[in-house]
Amino acid sequence: MTIKARVRGVGGYVPEKILSNDDLAAIMDTSDAWIVSRSGIRQRHQADAELKASDLAVRAAKKALEHAGMSIAEIDLIVVATSTPDHTFPATAAYVQHKLGSTHGAAFDIQVACSGFVYGLSVVSAMIESGQAKGALLIGAELMTRLLDWEDRSTAVLFGDGAGALVLCADDVAPDAPQVINSYIRSDGQFAKLLYTTGGAGSTGTAGTIYMEGREVYRHAVTNIAEAICTLLDTSGFEIDDIDWFVPHQANKRIIDGVARKIGLPPEKTVLTVADHANTSAASIPLALDMAVRDGRIKPGDMVMTEAMGGGLSWGANLIRWS
């Protein structure tokens, strides 16, 4: 028996306000047909101005704790993956900790753009396995619509706001029991300028807006993500056919389909939320997991593969036997 991280609960939150493709077509040179054909996106959610990333994170976290049947007193680690923090410092996780009523354990942020959840799960599971935490909240929370240039249709149509959370706990398990099996994460900073924001506290003093070289990002995404999945499966002793559910970062349906084709995964095994949520960066995978668990697709014992690529460039994958 070995101490491993086990998923105990999931939760998600998206703001009530919806921006349809037609809404965007009214303010920029675009159309529903153009957006759908290039991304698969039909709508996205936008948070009210008074809401911060920590507010979205707390709402998702409460749902995850309820789903797990646990209280915040049982959590000694809170990790928030976000590119839209409440402040430059302290960590948004500290605000989440306070708003949830906790004064113990550790709370910190991870900033790896759209790869944040994949990196976060790697870090959290490693901390649990090493004995540094017994109960953890991993949250992806993003206000991506606040980083958009609404005159740039190449990026403004792609992003939305939302938060998703997982509760993970230490468990003494057998190799074939539900657990976070393994993770694979990589970065290559020579491609940082393919996807970034034009601002920053240490440069312009502003948040800036998203800049992306879409064709290059697509090319790197399909190649790097497929390589990450195959490497992770190989090092973990599994094959593509062992995957029950593929839960990718919901950036763009063309990227998702391209990766699935490259690794030979049947499309019916893919969980898709991009049409309704758009790209919610680090929140997209836990939001998709929440939906697929609650609608009954993902069941205990299922083998789940997650993956993402984001600014950095950064990319990676996680392999989970669901509980």
C-alpha atoms as a PDB file:
ATOM      1  CA  MET A   1       0.000   0.000   0.000  1.00  0.00           C
ATOM      2  CA  THR A   2       1.175   3.525  -0.847  1.00  0.00           C
ATOM      3  CA  ILE A   3       0.048   7.020   0.116  1.00  0.00           C
ATOM      4  CA  LYS A   4      -1.474   8.660  -2.969  1.00  0.00           C
ATOM      5  CA  ALA A   5      -3.765  11.600  -3.704  1.00  0.00           C
ATOM      6  CA  ARG A   6      -7.375  10.589  -4.265  1.00  0.00           C
ATOM      7  CA  VAL A   7     -10.109  12.802  -5.718  1.00  0.00           C
ATOM      8  CA  ARG A   8     -12.936  13.146  -3.223  1.00  0.00           C
ATOM      9  CA  GLY A   9     -15.094  15.896  -4.747  1.00  0.00           C
ATOM     10  CA  VAL A  10     -15.573  18.295  -7.656  1.00  0.00           C
ATOM     11  CA  GLY A  11     -17.303  21.648  -8.017  1.00  0.00           C
ATOM     12  CA  GLY A  12     -17.743  24.359 -10.614  1.00  0.00           C
ATOM     13  CA  TYR A  13     -19.084  27.872 -10.982  1.00  0.00           C
ATOM     14  CA  VAL A  14     -19.749  30.074 -14.000  1.00  0.00           C
ATOM     15  CA  PRO A  15     -21.222  33.593 -13.786  1.00  0.00           C
ATOM     16  CA  GLU A  16     -24.864  34.083 -14.723  1.00  0.00           C
ATOM     17  CA  LYS A  17     -24.220  36.579 -17.507  1.00  0.00           C
ATOM     18  CA  ILE A  18     -23.852  34.947 -20.929  1.00  0.00           C
ATOM     19  CA  LEU A  19     -22.331  36.557 -24.015  1.00  0.00           C
ATOM     20  CA  SER A  20     -23.445  34.785 -27.177  1.00  0.00           C
ATOM     21  CA  ASN A  21     -21.591  34.925 -30.467  1.00  0.00           C
ATOM     22  CA  ASP A  22     -24.353  37.169 -31.767  1.00  0.00           C
ATOM     23  CA  ASP A  23     -23.706  39.541 -28.848  1.00  0.00           C
ATOM     24  CA  LEU A  24     -20.077  39.818 -29.940  1.00  0.00           C
ATOM     25  CA  ALA A  25     -21.057  40.230 -33.588  1.00  0.00           C
ATOM     26  CA  ALA A  26     -22.941  43.355 -32.543  1.00  0.00           C
ATOM     27  CA  ILE A  27     -19.750  45.039 -31.279  1.00  0.00           C
ATOM     28  CA  MET A  28     -17.029  43.700 -33.604  1.00  0.00           C
ATOM     29  CA  ASP A  29     -16.469  42.352 -37.096  1.00  0.00           C
ATOM     30  CA  THR A  30     -17.386  38.711 -36.529  1.00  0.00           C
ATOM     31  CA  SER A  31     -20.294  36.275 -36.784  1.00  0.00           C
ATOM     32  CA  ASP A  32     -21.615  33.158 -35.114  1.00  0.00           C
ATOM     33  CA  ALA A  33     -20.618  31.065 -38.129  1.00  0.00           C
ATOM     34  CA  TRP A  34     -17.065  32.476 -38.152  1.00  0.00           C
ATOM     35  CA  ILE A  35     -16.518  31.826 -34.432  1.00  0.00           C
ATOM     36  CA  VAL A  36     -18.015  28.325 -34.432  1.00  0.00           C
ATOM     37  CA  SER A  37     -16.062  27.224 -37.508  1.00  0.00           C
ATOM     38  CA  ARG A  38     -12.742  28.297 -35.998  1.00  0.00           C
ATOM     39  CA  SER A  39     -13.218  27.382 -32.343  1.00  0.00           C
ATOM     40  CA  GLY A  40     -16.437  25.470 -31.689  1.00  0.00           C
ATOM     41  CA  ILE A  41     -17.471  28.208 -29.235  1.00  0.00           C
ATOM     42  CA  ARG A  42     -21.091  29.378 -29.135  1.00  0.00           C
ATOM     43  CA  GLN A  43     -21.151  31.391 -25.913  1.00  0.00           C
ATOM     44  CA  ARG A  44     -19.113  32.368 -22.880  1.00  0.00           C
ATOM     45  CA  HIS A  45     -19.842  33.583 -19.322  1.00  0.00           C
ATOM     46  CA  GLN A  46     -18.773  36.976 -17.996  1.00  0.00           C
ATOM     47  CA  ALA A  47     -18.493  37.934 -14.325  1.00  0.00           C
ATOM     48  CA  ASP A  48     -19.987  41.140 -12.948  1.00  0.00           C
ATOM     49  CA  ALA A  49     -17.486  43.937 -12.350  1.00  0.00           C
ATOM     50  CA  GLU A  50     -17.532  43.605  -8.551  1.00  0.00           C
ATOM     51  CA  LEU A  51     -16.504  39.932  -8.592  1.00  0.00           C
ATOM     52  CA  LYS A  52     -12.881  38.875  -8.183  1.00  0.00           C
ATOM     53  CA  ALA A  53     -11.190  35.575  -8.967  1.00  0.00           C
ATOM     54  CA  SER A  54     -11.342  34.643  -5.281  1.00  0.00           C
ATOM     55  CA  ASP A  55     -15.134  35.041  -5.312  1.00  0.00           C
ATOM     56  CA  LEU A  56     -15.490  32.590  -8.190  1.00  0.00           C
ATOM     57  CA  ALA A  57     -12.971  30.250  -6.556  1.00  0.00           C
ATOM     58  CA  VAL A  58     -14.866  30.191  -3.258  1.00  0.00           C
ATOM     59  CA  ARG A  59     -18.141  29.321  -4.973  1.00  0.00           C
ATOM     60  CA  ALA A  60     -16.546  26.410  -6.810  1.00  0.00           C
ATOM     61  CA  ALA A  61     -14.695  25.281  -3.675  1.00  0.00           C
ATOM     62  CA  LYS A  62     -17.864  25.182  -1.575  1.00  0.00           C
ATOM     63  CA  LYS A  63     -19.542  22.958  -4.159  1.00  0.00           C
ATOM     64  CA  ALA A  64     -16.521  20.655  -4.234  1.00  0.00           C
ATOM     65  CA  LEU A  65     -16.433  20.380  -0.440  1.00  0.00           C
ATOM     66  CA  GLU A  66     -20.143  19.619  -0.377  1.00  0.00           C
ATOM     67  CA  HIS A  67     -19.699  16.971  -3.061  1.00  0.00           C
ATOM     68  CA  ALA A  68     -16.859  15.434  -1.037  1.00  0.00           C
ATOM     69  CA  GLY A  69     -18.892  15.501   2.178  1.00  0.00           C
ATOM     70  CA  MET A  70     -16.084  17.408   3.882  1.00  0.00           C
ATOM     71  CA  SER A  71     -15.622  20.663   5.766  1.00  0.00           C
ATOM     72  CA  ILE A  72     -12.947  23.308   5.340  1.00  0.00           C
ATOM     73  CA  ALA A  73     -11.504  22.178   8.699  1.00  0.00           C
ATOM     74  CA  GLU A  74     -10.305  19.010   6.937  1.00  0.00           C
ATOM     75  CA  ILE A  75      -8.335  20.986   4.331  1.00  0.00           C
ATOM     76  CA  ASP A  76      -4.696  21.867   5.034  1.00  0.00           C
ATOM     77  CA  LEU A  77      -3.663  22.948   1.531  1.00  0.00           C
ATOM     78  CA  ILE A  78      -5.303  25.393  -0.885  1.00  0.00           C
ATOM     79  CA  VAL A  79      -3.760  25.937  -4.316  1.00  0.00           C
ATOM     80  CA  VAL A  80      -5.310  28.377  -6.786  1.00  0.00           C
ATOM     81  CA  ALA A  81      -4.286  28.318 -10.432  1.00  0.00           C
ATOM     82  CA  THR A  82      -5.023  31.717 -11.962  1.00  0.00           C
ATOM     83  CA  SER A  83      -3.711  34.312 -14.398  1.00  0.00           C
ATOM     84  CA  THR A  84      -6.161  36.926 -13.102  1.00  0.00           C
ATOM     85  CA  PRO A  85      -5.357  37.231  -9.378  1.00  0.00           C
ATOM     86  CA  ASP A  86      -7.215  39.593  -7.075  1.00  0.00           C
ATOM     87  CA  HIS A  87      -3.951  41.470  -6.468  1.00  0.00           C
ATOM     88  CA  THR A  88      -0.320  41.092  -7.481  1.00  0.00           C
ATOM     89  CA  PHE A  89       0.122  39.875  -3.902  1.00  0.00           C
ATOM     90  CA  PRO A  90      -0.895  38.318  -1.589  1.00  0.00           C
ATOM     91  CA  ALA A  91      -1.859  35.100  -3.305  1.00  0.00           C
ATOM     92  CA  THR A  92      -5.494  34.784  -4.316  1.00  0.00           C
ATOM     93  CA  ALA A  93      -5.407  31.478  -2.412  1.00  0.00           C
ATOM     94  CA  ALA A  94      -4.933  33.453   0.809  1.00  0.00           C
ATOM     95  CA  TYR A  95      -8.169  35.338   0.157  1.00  0.00           C
ATOM     96  CA  VAL A  96      -9.904  32.053  -0.652  1.00  0.00           C
ATOM     97  CA  GLN A  97      -8.614  30.532   2.580  1.00  0.00           C
ATOM     98  CA  HIS A  98      -9.985  33.461   4.591  1.00  0.00           C
ATOM     99  CA  LYS A  99     -13.348  33.538   2.818  1.00  0.00           C
ATOM    100  CA  LEU A 100     -13.781  29.818   3.456  1.00  0.00           C
ATOM    101  CA  GLY A 101     -13.096  30.363   7.164  1.00  0.00           C
ATOM    102  CA  SER A 102      -9.744  28.589   7.446  1.00  0.00           C
ATOM    103  CA  THR A 103      -6.711  29.771   9.420  1.00  0.00           C
ATOM    104  CA  HIS A 104      -4.491  26.704   9.143  1.00  0.00           C
ATOM    105  CA  GLY A 105      -2.416  24.945   6.523  1.00  0.00           C
ATOM    106  CA  ALA A 106      -0.827  26.481   3.424  1.00  0.00           C
ATOM    107  CA  ALA A 107      -2.352  28.557   0.630  1.00  0.00           C
ATOM    108  CA  PHE A 108      -0.577  29.680  -2.527  1.00  0.00           C
ATOM    109  CA  ASP A 109      -1.105  30.385  -6.228  1.00  0.00           C
ATOM    110  CA  ILE A 110       0.219  28.773  -9.390  1.00  0.00           C
ATOM    111  CA  GLN A 111       0.486  30.928 -12.515  1.00  0.00           C
ATOM    112  CA  VAL A 112       0.999  28.819 -15.628  1.00  0.00           C
ATOM    113  CA  ALA A 113      -1.810  30.307 -17.718  1.00  0.00           C
ATOM    114  CA  CYS A 114      -4.005  27.626 -19.324  1.00  0.00           C
ATOM    115  CA  SER A 115      -1.733  24.853 -18.005  1.00  0.00           C
ATOM    116  CA  GLY A 116      -2.359  25.937 -14.417  1.00  0.00           C
ATOM    117  CA  PHE A 117      -4.686  23.103 -13.433  1.00  0.00           C
ATOM    118  CA  VAL A 118      -2.434  20.382 -14.886  1.00  0.00           C
ATOM    119  CA  TYR A 119       0.604  21.830 -13.114  1.00  0.00           C
ATOM    120  CA  GLY A 120      -1.445  22.324  -9.958  1.00  0.00           C
ATOM    121  CA  LEU A 121      -2.563  18.704  -9.854  1.00  0.00           C
ATOM    122  CA  SER A 122       1.046  17.595 -10.260  1.00  0.00           C
ATOM    123  CA  VAL A 123       2.150  19.806  -7.349  1.00  0.00           C
ATOM    124  CA  VAL A 124      -0.771  18.994  -5.046  1.00  0.00           C
ATOM    125  CA  SER A 125      -0.557  15.237  -5.567  1.00  0.00           C
ATOM    126  CA  ALA A 126       3.208  15.328  -4.930  1.00  0.00           C
ATOM    127  CA  MET A 127       2.691  17.283  -1.700  1.00  0.00           C
ATOM    128  CA  ILE A 128       0.095  14.773  -0.543  1.00  0.00           C
ATOM    129  CA  GLU A 129       2.321  11.806  -1.422  1.00  0.00           C
ATOM    130  CA  SER A 130       5.236  13.367   0.504  1.00  0.00           C
ATOM    131  CA  GLY A 131       3.109  13.893   3.615  1.00  0.00           C
ATOM    132  CA  GLN A 132       2.980  17.692   3.407  1.00  0.00           C
ATOM    133  CA  ALA A 133      -0.823  17.733   3.128  1.00  0.00           C
ATOM    134  CA  LYS A 134      -3.703  15.427   3.992  1.00  0.00           C
ATOM    135  CA  GLY A 135      -6.615  17.314   2.459  1.00  0.00           C
ATOM    136  CA  ALA A 136      -6.312  19.763  -0.426  1.00  0.00           C
ATOM    137  CA  LEU A 137      -8.378  22.127  -2.513  1.00  0.00           C
ATOM    138  CA  LEU A 138      -7.088  22.642  -6.042  1.00  0.00           C
ATOM    139  CA  ILE A 139      -8.938  25.478  -7.752  1.00  0.00           C
ATOM    140  CA  GLY A 140      -8.723  27.010 -11.208  1.00  0.00           C
ATOM    141  CA  ALA A 141     -10.326  30.469 -11.206  1.00  0.00           C
ATOM    142  CA  GLU A 142     -10.178  32.966 -14.048  1.00  0.00           C
ATOM    143  CA  LEU A 143     -11.606  36.303 -15.189  1.00  0.00           C
ATOM    144  CA  MET A 144     -10.248  36.067 -18.713  1.00  0.00           C
ATOM    145  CA  THR A 145     -12.710  38.571 -20.184  1.00  0.00           C
ATOM    146  CA  ARG A 146     -10.801  41.280 -18.276  1.00  0.00           C
ATOM    147  CA  LEU A 147      -7.682  40.586 -20.327  1.00  0.00           C
ATOM    148  CA  LEU A 148      -9.335  41.025 -23.712  1.00  0.00           C
ATOM    149  CA  ASP A 149      -8.977  43.672 -26.385  1.00  0.00           C
ATOM    150  CA  TRP A 150     -12.590  43.848 -27.547  1.00  0.00           C
ATOM    151  CA  GLU A 151     -11.443  45.178 -30.920  1.00  0.00           C
ATOM    152  CA  ASP A 152      -9.312  42.088 -31.603  1.00  0.00           C
ATOM    153  CA  ARG A 153     -11.667  39.406 -32.859  1.00  0.00           C
ATOM    154  CA  SER A 154      -8.869  36.838 -33.020  1.00  0.00           C
ATOM    155  CA  THR A 155      -8.747  36.671 -29.200  1.00  0.00           C
ATOM    156  CA  ALA A 156     -11.863  38.417 -27.851  1.00  0.00           C
ATOM    157  CA  VAL A 157     -14.197  35.657 -29.047  1.00  0.00           C
ATOM    158  CA  LEU A 158     -12.224  32.839 -27.422  1.00  0.00           C
ATOM    159  CA  PHE A 159     -12.310  33.431 -23.671  1.00  0.00           C
ATOM    160  CA  GLY A 160     -14.728  33.340 -20.745  1.00  0.00           C
ATOM    161  CA  ASP A 161     -14.856  33.502 -16.942  1.00  0.00           C
ATOM    162  CA  GLY A 162     -15.348  30.671 -14.464  1.00  0.00           C
ATOM    163  CA  ALA A 163     -13.918  28.488 -11.703  1.00  0.00           C
ATOM    164  CA  GLY A 164     -13.612  24.789 -11.003  1.00  0.00           C
ATOM    165  CA  ALA A 165     -12.337  22.923  -7.949  1.00  0.00           C
ATOM    166  CA  LEU A 166     -11.189  19.484  -6.839  1.00  0.00           C
ATOM    167  CA  VAL A 167     -10.923  18.141  -3.304  1.00  0.00           C
ATOM    168  CA  LEU A 168      -8.057  15.674  -2.951  1.00  0.00           C
ATOM    169  CA  CYS A 169      -7.133  13.617   0.096  1.00  0.00           C
ATOM    170  CA  ALA A 170      -4.300  11.361   1.173  1.00  0.00           C
ATOM    171  CA  ASP A 171      -5.217   7.699   0.987  1.00  0.00           C
ATOM    172  CA  ASP A 172      -3.277   4.490   1.574  1.00  0.00           C
ATOM    173  CA  VAL A 173      -4.137   2.679  -1.636  1.00  0.00           C
ATOM    174  CA  ALA A 174      -3.280  -0.351  -3.731  1.00  0.00           C
ATOM    175  CA  PRO A 175      -1.873   0.255  -7.253  1.00  0.00           C
ATOM    176  CA  ASP A 176      -5.232  -0.402  -8.931  1.00  0.00           C
ATOM    177  CA  ALA A 177      -7.281   1.765  -6.530  1.00  0.00           C
ATOM    178  CA  PRO A 178      -8.676   5.245  -7.330  1.00  0.00           C
ATOM    179  CA  GLN A 179      -5.857   7.801  -7.213  1.00  0.00           C
ATOM    180  CA  VAL A 180      -3.919  10.439  -9.124  1.00  0.00           C
ATOM    181  CA  ILE A 181      -1.634   7.987 -10.904  1.00  0.00           C
ATOM    182  CA  ASN A 182       0.947  10.272 -12.456  1.00  0.00           C
ATOM    183  CA  SER A 183       1.585  13.626 -14.131  1.00  0.00           C
ATOM    184  CA  TYR A 184       3.817  15.016 -16.865  1.00  0.00           C
ATOM    185  CA  ILE A 185       4.646  18.735 -17.128  1.00  0.00           C
ATOM    186  CA  ARG A 186       6.968  20.657 -19.444  1.00  0.00           C
ATOM    187  CA  SER A 187       7.832  24.229 -20.504  1.00  0.00           C
ATOM    188  CA  ASP A 188       9.838  25.912 -23.265  1.00  0.00           C
ATOM    189  CA  GLY A 189      10.370  29.620 -22.713  1.00  0.00           C
ATOM    190  CA  GLN A 190      11.759  30.290 -26.191  1.00  0.00           C
ATOM    191  CA  PHE A 191       8.132  30.377 -27.349  1.00  0.00           C
ATOM    192  CA  ALA A 192       6.893  32.796 -24.669  1.00  0.00           C
ATOM    193  CA  LYS A 193       5.995  35.473 -27.217  1.00  0.00           C
ATOM    194  CA  LEU A 194       3.516  33.221 -29.032  1.00  0.00           C
ATOM    195  CA  LEU A 195       0.965  33.696 -26.249  1.00  0.00           C
ATOM    196  CA  TYR A 196       1.201  36.363 -23.565  1.00  0.00           C
ATOM    197  CA  THR A 197      -0.365  39.492 -22.103  1.00  0.00           C
ATOM    198  CA  THR A 198       0.963  42.889 -23.125  1.00  0.00           C
ATOM    199  CA  GLY A 199       1.198  44.124 -19.527  1.00  0.00           C
ATOM    200  CA  GLY A 200       2.520  43.218 -16.106  1.00  0.00           C
ATOM    201  CA  ALA A 201       3.339  44.717 -12.717  1.00  0.00           C
ATOM    202  CA  GLY A 202       7.057  44.634 -13.505  1.00  0.00           C
ATOM    203  CA  SER A 203       6.800  46.052 -17.020  1.00  0.00           C
ATOM    204  CA  THR A 204       3.889  48.339 -17.871  1.00  0.00           C
ATOM    205  CA  GLY A 205       2.206  48.470 -14.472  1.00  0.00           C
ATOM    206  CA  THR A 206      -1.045  47.390 -16.124  1.00  0.00           C
ATOM    207  CA  ALA A 207      -2.742  44.037 -16.676  1.00  0.00           C
ATOM    208  CA  GLY A 208      -2.459  44.352 -20.455  1.00  0.00           C
ATOM    209  CA  THR A 209      -4.410  42.303 -22.982  1.00  0.00           C
ATOM    210  CA  ILE A 210      -3.954  38.872 -24.536  1.00  0.00           C
ATOM    211  CA  TYR A 211      -1.774  38.520 -27.624  1.00  0.00           C
ATOM    212  CA  MET A 212      -1.654  35.207 -29.479  1.00  0.00           C
ATOM    213  CA  GLU A 213      -0.151  33.866 -32.679  1.00  0.00           C
ATOM    214  CA  GLY A 214      -2.987  31.442 -33.274  1.00  0.00           C
ATOM    215  CA  ARG A 215      -1.550  29.257 -36.029  1.00  0.00           C
ATOM    216  CA  GLU A 216       1.724  28.694 -34.206  1.00  0.00           C
ATOM    217  CA  VAL A 217      -0.068  27.987 -30.928  1.00  0.00           C
ATOM    218  CA  TYR A 218      -2.257  25.409 -32.685  1.00  0.00           C
ATOM    219  CA  ARG A 219       0.760  23.672 -34.195  1.00  0.00           C
ATOM    220  CA  HIS A 220       2.653  23.496 -30.920  1.00  0.00           C
ATOM    221  CA  ALA A 221      -0.453  22.480 -28.967  1.00  0.00           C
ATOM    222  CA  VAL A 222      -1.314  19.422 -31.039  1.00  0.00           C
ATOM    223  CA  THR A 223       2.292  18.201 -31.174  1.00  0.00           C
ATOM    224  CA  ASN A 224       3.265  18.885 -27.559  1.00  0.00           C
ATOM    225  CA  ILE A 225       0.052  17.678 -25.950  1.00  0.00           C
ATOM    226  CA  ALA A 226       0.041  14.437 -27.931  1.00  0.00           C
ATOM    227  CA  GLU A 227       3.663  13.849 -26.916  1.00  0.00           C
ATOM    228  CA  ALA A 228       2.829  14.545 -23.260  1.00  0.00           C
ATOM    229  CA  ILE A 229      -0.073  12.090 -23.252  1.00  0.00           C
ATOM    230  CA  CYS A 230       1.909   9.309 -24.915  1.00  0.00           C
ATOM    231  CA  THR A 231       4.893   9.822 -22.603  1.00  0.00           C
ATOM    232  CA  LEU A 232       2.680   9.847 -19.514  1.00  0.00           C
ATOM    233  CA  LEU A 233       0.906   6.661 -20.550  1.00  0.00           C
ATOM    234  CA  ASP A 234       4.196   4.936 -21.348  1.00  0.00           C
ATOM    235  CA  THR A 235       5.877   5.853 -18.057  1.00  0.00           C
ATOM    236  CA  SER A 236       2.738   4.855 -16.130  1.00  0.00           C
ATOM    237  CA  GLY A 237       2.349   1.475 -17.835  1.00  0.00           C
ATOM    238  CA  PHE A 238      -0.877   2.177 -19.712  1.00  0.00           C
ATOM    239  CA  GLU A 239      -2.042   2.494 -23.316  1.00  0.00           C
ATOM    240  CA  ILE A 240      -4.469   4.740 -25.200  1.00  0.00           C
ATOM    241  CA  ASP A 241      -7.169   2.056 -25.044  1.00  0.00           C
ATOM    242  CA  ASP A 242      -7.027   2.172 -21.231  1.00  0.00           C
ATOM    243  CA  ILE A 243      -8.390   5.737 -21.220  1.00  0.00           C
ATOM    244  CA  ASP A 244     -12.117   5.883 -20.461  1.00  0.00           C
ATOM    245  CA  TRP A 245     -12.444   9.676 -20.595  1.00  0.00           C
ATOM    246  CA  PHE A 246     -10.327  12.378 -22.193  1.00  0.00           C
ATOM    247  CA  VAL A 247     -10.863  15.724 -20.424  1.00  0.00           C
ATOM    248  CA  PRO A 248      -8.754  18.294 -22.271  1.00  0.00           C
ATOM    249  CA  HIS A 249      -8.235  21.982 -21.672  1.00  0.00           C
ATOM    250  CA  GLN A 250     -11.179  23.586 -23.450  1.00  0.00           C
ATOM    251  CA  ALA A 251      -9.287  26.093 -25.592  1.00  0.00           C
ATOM    252  CA  ASN A 252     -10.515  25.331 -29.062  1.00  0.00           C
ATOM    253  CA  LYS A 253     -12.387  22.371 -30.534  1.00  0.00           C
ATOM    254  CA  ARG A 254      -9.989  22.181 -33.469  1.00  0.00           C
ATOM    255  CA  ILE A 255      -7.060  21.670 -31.080  1.00  0.00           C
ATOM    256  CA  ILE A 256      -8.998  19.104 -29.038  1.00  0.00           C
ATOM    257  CA  ASP A 257      -9.986  17.167 -32.156  1.00  0.00           C
ATOM    258  CA  GLY A 258      -6.444  17.395 -33.535  1.00  0.00           C
ATOM    259  CA  VAL A 259      -4.925  15.919 -30.379  1.00  0.00           C
ATOM    260  CA  ALA A 260      -7.511  13.118 -30.219  1.00  0.00           C
ATOM    261  CA  ARG A 261      -6.815  12.174 -33.843  1.00  0.00           C
ATOM    262  CA  LYS A 262      -3.058  12.236 -33.335  1.00  0.00           C
ATOM    263  CA  ILE A 263      -3.177   9.850 -30.363  1.00  0.00           C
ATOM    264  CA  GLY A 264      -5.905   7.650 -31.869  1.00  0.00           C
ATOM    265  CA  LEU A 265      -8.598   8.337 -29.280  1.00  0.00           C
ATOM    266  CA  PRO A 266     -12.257   7.845 -30.319  1.00  0.00           C
ATOM    267  CA  PRO A 267     -14.198  11.151 -30.247  1.00  0.00           C
ATOM    268  CA  GLU A 268     -16.938   9.672 -28.036  1.00  0.00           C
ATOM    269  CA  LYS A 269     -14.439   9.491 -25.161  1.00  0.00           C
ATOM    270  CA  THR A 270     -13.846  13.261 -25.155  1.00  0.00           C
ATOM    271  CA  VAL A 271     -15.584  15.579 -22.674  1.00  0.00           C
ATOM    272  CA  LEU A 272     -16.378  18.901 -24.383  1.00  0.00           C
ATOM    273  CA  THR A 273     -17.569  22.109 -22.719  1.00  0.00           C
ATOM    274  CA  VAL A 274     -15.873  24.658 -24.986  1.00  0.00           C
ATOM    275  CA  ALA A 275     -19.110  25.464 -26.848  1.00  0.00           C
ATOM    276  CA  ASP A 276     -20.761  26.759 -23.664  1.00  0.00           C
ATOM    277  CA  HIS A 277     -17.818  27.995 -21.571  1.00  0.00           C
ATOM    278  CA  ALA A 278     -15.229  29.069 -24.180  1.00  0.00           C
ATOM    279  CA  ASN A 279     -11.639  29.091 -22.918  1.00  0.00           C
ATOM    280  CA  THR A 280     -11.641  29.648 -19.159  1.00  0.00           C
ATOM    281  CA  SER A 281      -7.891  28.991 -18.910  1.00  0.00           C
ATOM    282  CA  ALA A 282      -6.976  27.143 -15.684  1.00  0.00           C
ATOM    283  CA  ALA A 283     -10.663  26.698 -14.823  1.00  0.00           C
ATOM    284  CA  SER A 284     -11.614  24.760 -17.940  1.00  0.00           C
ATOM    285  CA  ILE A 285     -10.535  21.245 -16.931  1.00  0.00           C
ATOM    286  CA  PRO A 286     -12.100  21.214 -13.445  1.00  0.00           C
ATOM    287  CA  LEU A 287     -15.281  22.734 -14.903  1.00  0.00           C
ATOM    288  CA  ALA A 288     -15.397  19.930 -17.464  1.00  0.00           C
ATOM    289  CA  LEU A 289     -14.682  17.303 -14.801  1.00  0.00           C
ATOM    290  CA  ASP A 290     -17.484  18.699 -12.655  1.00  0.00           C
ATOM    291  CA  MET A 291     -19.957  18.505 -15.518  1.00  0.00           C
ATOM    292  CA  ALA A 292     -18.966  14.971 -16.556  1.00  0.00           C
ATOM    293  CA  VAL A 293     -19.093  13.638 -12.997  1.00  0.00           C
ATOM    294  CA  ARG A 294     -22.444  15.204 -12.199  1.00  0.00           C
ATOM    295  CA  ASP A 295     -24.098  14.046 -15.434  1.00  0.00           C
ATOM    296  CA  GLY A 296     -22.928  10.495 -14.776  1.00  0.00           C
ATOM    297  CA  ARG A 297     -20.385  10.044 -17.537  1.00  0.00           C
ATOM    298  CA  ILE A 298     -17.313   9.766 -15.317  1.00  0.00           C
ATOM    299  CA  LYS A 299     -17.825   6.943 -12.816  1.00  0.00           C
ATOM    300  CA  PRO A 300     -15.730   5.438 -10.006  1.00  0.00           C
ATOM    301  CA  GLY A 301     -12.880   3.384 -11.408  1.00  0.00           C
ATOM    302  CA  ASP A 302     -12.796   5.186 -14.757  1.00  0.00           C
ATOM    303  CA  MET A 303      -9.411   6.131 -16.151  1.00  0.00           C
ATOM    304  CA  VAL A 304      -9.360   9.872 -16.862  1.00  0.00           C
ATOM    305  CA  MET A 305      -6.713  11.720 -18.868  1.00  0.00           C
ATOM    306  CA  THR A 306      -6.456  15.510 -18.604  1.00  0.00           C
ATOM    307  CA  GLU A 307      -4.171  17.740 -20.668  1.00  0.00           C
ATOM    308  CA  ALA A 308      -3.435  21.388 -21.362  1.00  0.00           C
ATOM    309  CA  MET A 309      -1.091  23.800 -23.074  1.00  0.00           C
ATOM    310  CA  GLY A 310      -0.737  27.463 -22.202  1.00  0.00           C
ATOM    311  CA  GLY A 311       1.512  30.475 -22.227  1.00  0.00           C
ATOM    312  CA  GLY A 312       5.171  29.822 -21.570  1.00  0.00           C
ATOM    313  CA  LEU A 313       4.851  27.772 -23.608  1.00  0.00           C
ATOM    314  CA  SER A 314       3.801  25.275 -20.950  1.00  0.00           C
ATOM    315  CA  TRP A 315       2.033  21.957 -21.325  1.00  0.00           C
ATOM    316  CA  GLY A 316       1.322  18.692 -19.569  1.00  0.00           C
ATOM    317  CA  ALA A 317      -1.094  15.920 -18.686  1.00  0.00           C
ATOM    318  CA  ASN A 318      -2.463  14.041 -15.671  1.00  0.00           C
ATOM    319  CA  LEU A 319      -3.676  10.456 -15.367  1.00  0.00           C
ATOM    320  CA  ILE A 320      -6.366   9.793 -12.754  1.00  0.00           C
ATOM    321  CA  ARG A 321      -8.249   6.674 -11.729  1.00  0.00           C
ATOM    322  CA  TRP A 322     -11.498   8.226 -10.596  1.00  0.00           C
ATOM    323  CA  SER A 323     -13.030   7.592  -7.197  1.00  0.00           C
END
